[in-house]
């Protein structure tokens, strides 16, 4: 019985991850992800029910389209498994609680943003608007203390990235600014600042590594959204401990 609920959470995450992948790929192109049928991107054959079972279809087909035998991108099962993993991690951390529900919302946004930003370097406005509403409702049910910390977090997320855009004359995108503003509603002021710090740190390490390996060039555009949402998840799960350790180490 103890393993049933975690297994259910993990499998649910895998199933939702498959859907989030579709949303992330179709929403920026304004293609319906509710009525339009899935098809192979290479031969355009419509996929059948047996082709759409999250994770298992990829394994059974050996990662190839059953019609044209063209390799299917590994990103599909990676997104599905990653979503399941993060859902399970959040459940282990928070248990059945409103905080777990907030984590699921955050993970959902993070997965869709990562897929969309990596594929097109776009963070769709309708997606951000939808999660602005979701996070606002969530913070009404589970408010921060003080309650206006959500407002401060949103303003900090928008304001700091806006300042960076103006100073660097376009060094970051408006999508990143709006994304961090939306996340600020959920995270509050301190965790929003921590998120920006961690995102910058992770993004710098990854980008320098890719440049050193000559995978990208120094002037190549590089999506920052995935680092923001990864940092936001770390902050939501462990940010309070990070801040407590920081203030204890340097101010006690």
Protein backbone atom coordinates (compact mmCIF):
# COMPACT_ATOMS: atom_id res chain seq x y z
CA UNK A 1 0.00 0.00 0.00
CA UNK A 2 2.88 2.35 0.81
CA UNK A 3 4.23 2.06 -2.75
CA UNK A 4 0.90 2.38 -4.55
CA UNK A 5 0.51 6.15 -4.15
CA UNK A 6 4.11 7.05 -5.14
CA UNK A 7 3.79 4.72 -8.16
CA UNK A 8 0.49 6.35 -9.07
CA UNK A 9 2.08 9.82 -8.81
CA UNK A 10 5.01 8.74 -11.00
CA UNK A 11 2.81 7.16 -13.69
CA UNK A 12 0.49 10.18 -13.66
CA UNK A 13 3.53 12.40 -14.17
CA UNK A 14 4.65 10.30 -17.15
CA UNK A 15 1.19 10.57 -18.74
CA UNK A 16 0.98 14.31 -18.14
CA UNK A 17 4.54 14.71 -19.40
CA UNK A 18 3.44 13.28 -22.76
CA UNK A 19 0.66 15.87 -22.90
CA UNK A 20 2.93 18.72 -21.82
CA UNK A 21 5.35 17.80 -24.60
CA UNK A 22 2.54 18.15 -27.14
CA UNK A 23 1.50 21.50 -25.67
CA UNK A 24 5.07 22.80 -25.72
CA UNK A 25 5.53 21.85 -29.36
CA UNK A 26 2.13 22.98 -30.67
CA UNK A 27 1.19 26.07 -28.66
CA UNK A 28 3.93 28.34 -30.11
CA UNK A 29 2.82 27.28 -33.63
CA UNK A 30 -0.83 27.88 -32.73
CA UNK A 31 -1.73 24.29 -33.58
CA UNK A 32 -4.55 22.77 -31.54
CA UNK A 33 -3.34 20.25 -28.98
CA UNK A 34 -6.85 19.05 -28.17
CA UNK A 35 -8.41 18.33 -31.58
CA UNK A 36 -5.52 17.91 -34.02
CA UNK A 37 -4.31 14.30 -34.29
CA UNK A 38 -0.70 13.43 -33.61
CA UNK A 39 1.40 12.38 -36.59
CA UNK A 40 4.96 11.42 -37.46
CA UNK A 41 6.91 14.65 -38.16
CA UNK A 42 8.77 12.88 -41.01
CA UNK A 43 6.21 10.83 -42.97
CA UNK A 44 3.09 12.58 -41.57
CA UNK A 45 1.24 9.32 -40.92
CA UNK A 46 -1.43 9.69 -38.23
CA UNK A 47 -0.46 7.93 -35.04
CA UNK A 48 -2.70 5.21 -33.67
CA UNK A 49 -3.57 4.56 -30.03
CA UNK A 50 -0.77 1.99 -29.75
CA UNK A 51 1.71 4.69 -30.82
CA UNK A 52 0.64 7.11 -28.11
CA UNK A 53 1.16 5.14 -24.91
CA UNK A 54 3.61 7.27 -22.90
CA UNK A 55 7.08 5.73 -22.65
CA UNK A 56 5.95 2.20 -23.60
CA UNK A 57 5.24 3.07 -27.24
CA UNK A 58 8.77 4.40 -27.60
CA UNK A 59 10.25 1.24 -26.08
CA UNK A 60 8.04 -1.13 -28.06
CA UNK A 61 8.77 0.64 -31.37
CA UNK A 62 12.50 0.73 -30.50
CA UNK A 63 12.48 4.49 -30.94
CA UNK A 64 11.41 4.41 -34.61
CA UNK A 65 8.28 5.31 -36.56
CA UNK A 66 6.40 2.11 -37.43
CA UNK A 67 5.74 3.43 -40.96
CA UNK A 68 8.94 5.15 -42.18
CA UNK A 69 11.34 3.73 -39.57
CA UNK A 70 12.79 7.19 -38.99
CA UNK A 71 14.21 7.58 -35.47
CA UNK A 72 11.90 9.24 -32.96
CA UNK A 73 13.51 11.98 -30.89
CA UNK A 74 14.72 10.81 -27.48
CA UNK A 75 13.25 14.00 -26.03
CA UNK A 76 9.77 12.42 -25.94
CA UNK A 77 10.54 9.70 -23.37
CA UNK A 78 12.96 12.02 -21.54
CA UNK A 79 10.23 14.62 -21.02
CA UNK A 80 7.79 11.94 -19.86
CA UNK A 81 10.18 10.31 -17.39
CA UNK A 82 11.44 13.68 -16.12
CA UNK A 83 7.90 14.85 -15.41
CA UNK A 84 7.15 11.64 -13.53
CA UNK A 85 10.38 11.98 -11.56
CA UNK A 86 9.72 15.57 -10.51
CA UNK A 87 6.11 14.79 -9.54
CA UNK A 88 7.38 11.92 -7.40
CA UNK A 89 10.14 14.08 -5.88
CA UNK A 90 7.59 16.77 -4.97
CA UNK A 91 5.30 14.18 -3.38
CA UNK A 92 8.15 12.73 -1.33
CA UNK A 93 9.12 16.24 -0.21
CA UNK A 94 5.67 17.66 0.60
CA UNK A 95 3.36 14.68 0.94
CA UNK A 96 -0.36 15.09 0.17
CA UNK A 97 -0.74 18.82 0.76
CA UNK A 98 -1.47 22.14 -0.91
CA UNK A 99 2.28 22.67 -1.23
CA UNK A 100 2.42 19.51 -3.33
CA UNK A 101 -0.35 20.89 -5.55
CA UNK A 102 1.67 24.08 -5.98
CA UNK A 103 4.71 22.02 -6.91
CA UNK A 104 2.70 20.14 -9.54
CA UNK A 105 1.61 23.43 -11.08
CA UNK A 106 5.21 24.63 -11.12
CA UNK A 107 6.48 21.38 -12.66
CA UNK A 108 3.78 21.51 -15.32
CA UNK A 109 4.75 25.04 -16.33
CA UNK A 110 8.44 24.14 -16.22
CA UNK A 111 8.11 21.17 -18.55
CA UNK A 112 6.06 23.07 -21.14
CA UNK A 113 8.39 26.09 -21.03
CA UNK A 114 11.46 23.87 -21.43
CA UNK A 115 10.04 22.08 -24.47
CA UNK A 116 8.84 25.30 -26.10
CA UNK A 117 11.96 27.36 -25.41
CA UNK A 118 14.36 24.63 -26.54
CA UNK A 119 12.38 23.96 -29.71
CA UNK A 120 11.54 27.52 -30.79
CA UNK A 121 13.12 29.91 -28.25
CA UNK A 122 9.58 31.08 -27.50
CA UNK A 123 7.68 31.18 -24.22
CA UNK A 124 4.02 31.55 -25.32
CA UNK A 125 2.00 34.36 -23.74
CA UNK A 126 -1.20 32.25 -23.46
CA UNK A 127 0.76 29.73 -21.37
CA UNK A 128 2.03 32.45 -19.02
CA UNK A 129 -1.44 33.96 -18.72
CA UNK A 130 -2.94 30.58 -17.84
CA UNK A 131 -0.39 29.93 -15.10
CA UNK A 132 -0.68 33.50 -13.81
CA UNK A 133 -4.31 32.67 -13.07
CA UNK A 134 -3.40 29.25 -11.61
CA UNK A 135 -0.68 30.63 -9.32
CA UNK A 136 -2.89 33.51 -8.20
CA UNK A 137 -5.71 31.13 -7.23
CA UNK A 138 -3.21 28.87 -5.51
CA UNK A 139 -1.76 31.74 -3.47
CA UNK A 140 -5.26 32.78 -2.42
CA UNK A 141 -5.77 29.27 -1.04
CA UNK A 142 -2.22 28.99 0.35
CA UNK A 143 -0.98 32.57 0.89
CA UNK A 144 2.58 33.54 1.63
CA UNK A 145 3.39 35.44 4.80
CA UNK A 146 2.97 38.35 4.45
CA UNK A 147 0.32 37.88 1.77
CA UNK A 148 1.72 40.66 -0.43
CA UNK A 149 5.01 38.77 -0.77
CA UNK A 150 3.54 37.26 -3.96
CA UNK A 151 3.10 40.75 -5.39
CA UNK A 152 6.66 41.69 -4.41
CA UNK A 153 7.94 38.51 -6.02
CA UNK A 154 6.13 39.24 -9.28
CA UNK A 155 7.37 42.84 -9.34
CA UNK A 156 10.92 41.74 -8.57
CA UNK A 157 10.86 39.13 -11.34
CA UNK A 158 9.57 41.62 -13.90
CA UNK A 159 11.65 44.57 -12.74
CA UNK A 160 15.06 42.91 -12.49
CA UNK A 161 14.85 41.23 -15.90
CA UNK A 162 13.52 44.47 -17.42
CA UNK A 163 16.52 46.31 -16.02
CA UNK A 164 18.86 43.68 -17.48
CA UNK A 165 17.15 43.97 -20.88
CA UNK A 166 17.49 47.76 -20.87
CA UNK A 167 21.08 47.81 -19.64
CA UNK A 168 22.27 45.05 -21.97
CA UNK A 169 20.10 46.31 -24.86
CA UNK A 170 18.40 42.99 -25.41
CA UNK A 171 20.68 40.58 -23.58
CA UNK A 172 17.58 38.74 -22.34
CA UNK A 173 14.16 38.25 -23.84
CA UNK A 174 10.80 39.63 -22.79
CA UNK A 175 9.59 36.06 -22.42
CA UNK A 176 12.15 35.46 -19.66
CA UNK A 177 10.99 38.65 -17.94
CA UNK A 178 7.33 37.62 -18.01
CA UNK A 179 8.20 34.07 -16.95
CA UNK A 180 10.08 35.19 -13.85
CA UNK A 181 7.26 37.62 -13.05
CA UNK A 182 4.72 34.79 -13.16
CA UNK A 183 6.97 32.58 -11.02
CA UNK A 184 7.29 35.42 -8.53
CA UNK A 185 3.60 35.04 -7.67
CA UNK A 186 4.27 31.52 -6.48
CA UNK A 187 7.72 32.00 -4.97
CA UNK A 188 7.60 35.39 -3.26
CA UNK A 189 10.35 38.01 -3.12
CA UNK A 190 13.28 36.13 -1.58
CA UNK A 191 12.85 32.92 -3.54
CA UNK A 192 12.44 34.89 -6.78
CA UNK A 193 15.84 36.49 -6.18
CA UNK A 194 17.29 33.08 -5.35
CA UNK A 195 15.77 31.68 -8.55
CA UNK A 196 17.42 34.36 -10.67
CA UNK A 197 20.77 33.75 -8.97
CA UNK A 198 20.59 29.97 -9.44
CA UNK A 199 19.36 30.30 -13.03
CA UNK A 200 22.27 32.60 -13.87
CA UNK A 201 24.75 30.26 -12.19
CA UNK A 202 23.42 27.11 -13.88
CA UNK A 203 23.02 28.84 -17.24
CA UNK A 204 26.57 30.18 -17.13
CA UNK A 205 28.09 26.79 -16.31
CA UNK A 206 26.08 25.00 -19.00
CA UNK A 207 26.67 27.59 -21.72
CA UNK A 208 30.42 27.79 -21.04
CA UNK A 209 30.61 24.01 -21.15
CA UNK A 210 28.79 23.88 -24.48
CA UNK A 211 31.05 26.60 -25.87
CA UNK A 212 34.15 24.74 -24.68
CA UNK A 213 32.88 21.58 -26.39
CA UNK A 214 32.16 23.66 -29.53
CA UNK A 215 28.52 22.59 -29.52
CA UNK A 216 27.47 26.24 -29.69
CA UNK A 217 29.32 29.43 -30.59
CA UNK A 218 29.85 32.43 -28.35
CA UNK A 219 27.34 34.52 -30.29
CA UNK A 220 24.74 31.79 -30.80
CA UNK A 221 21.33 32.47 -29.20
CA UNK A 222 20.74 30.35 -26.13
CA UNK A 223 17.38 29.78 -24.38
CA UNK A 224 17.36 30.89 -20.75
CA UNK A 225 13.84 29.77 -19.87
CA UNK A 226 14.79 26.17 -18.99
CA UNK A 227 17.34 27.42 -16.45
CA UNK A 228 14.80 29.78 -14.88
CA UNK A 229 12.22 27.03 -14.36
CA UNK A 230 14.84 24.54 -13.12
CA UNK A 231 16.06 27.12 -10.62
CA UNK A 232 12.45 27.86 -9.64
CA UNK A 233 11.82 24.19 -8.86
CA UNK A 234 14.98 24.01 -6.75
CA UNK A 235 13.95 27.19 -4.94
CA UNK A 236 10.40 25.98 -4.31
CA UNK A 237 11.59 22.65 -2.92
CA UNK A 238 14.75 23.65 -1.07
CA UNK A 239 14.98 27.45 -1.20
CA UNK A 240 14.05 28.04 2.43
CA UNK A 241 16.87 25.73 3.56
CA UNK A 242 19.33 27.45 1.23
CA UNK A 243 18.42 30.87 2.61
CA UNK A 244 18.55 29.64 6.20
CA UNK A 245 22.01 28.15 5.61
CA UNK A 246 23.18 31.36 3.92
CA UNK A 247 22.03 33.70 6.70
CA UNK A 248 23.26 31.33 9.39
CA UNK A 249 26.70 31.08 7.78
CA UNK A 250 27.28 34.75 6.99
CA UNK A 251 25.19 36.69 9.49
CA UNK A 252 25.37 34.67 12.72
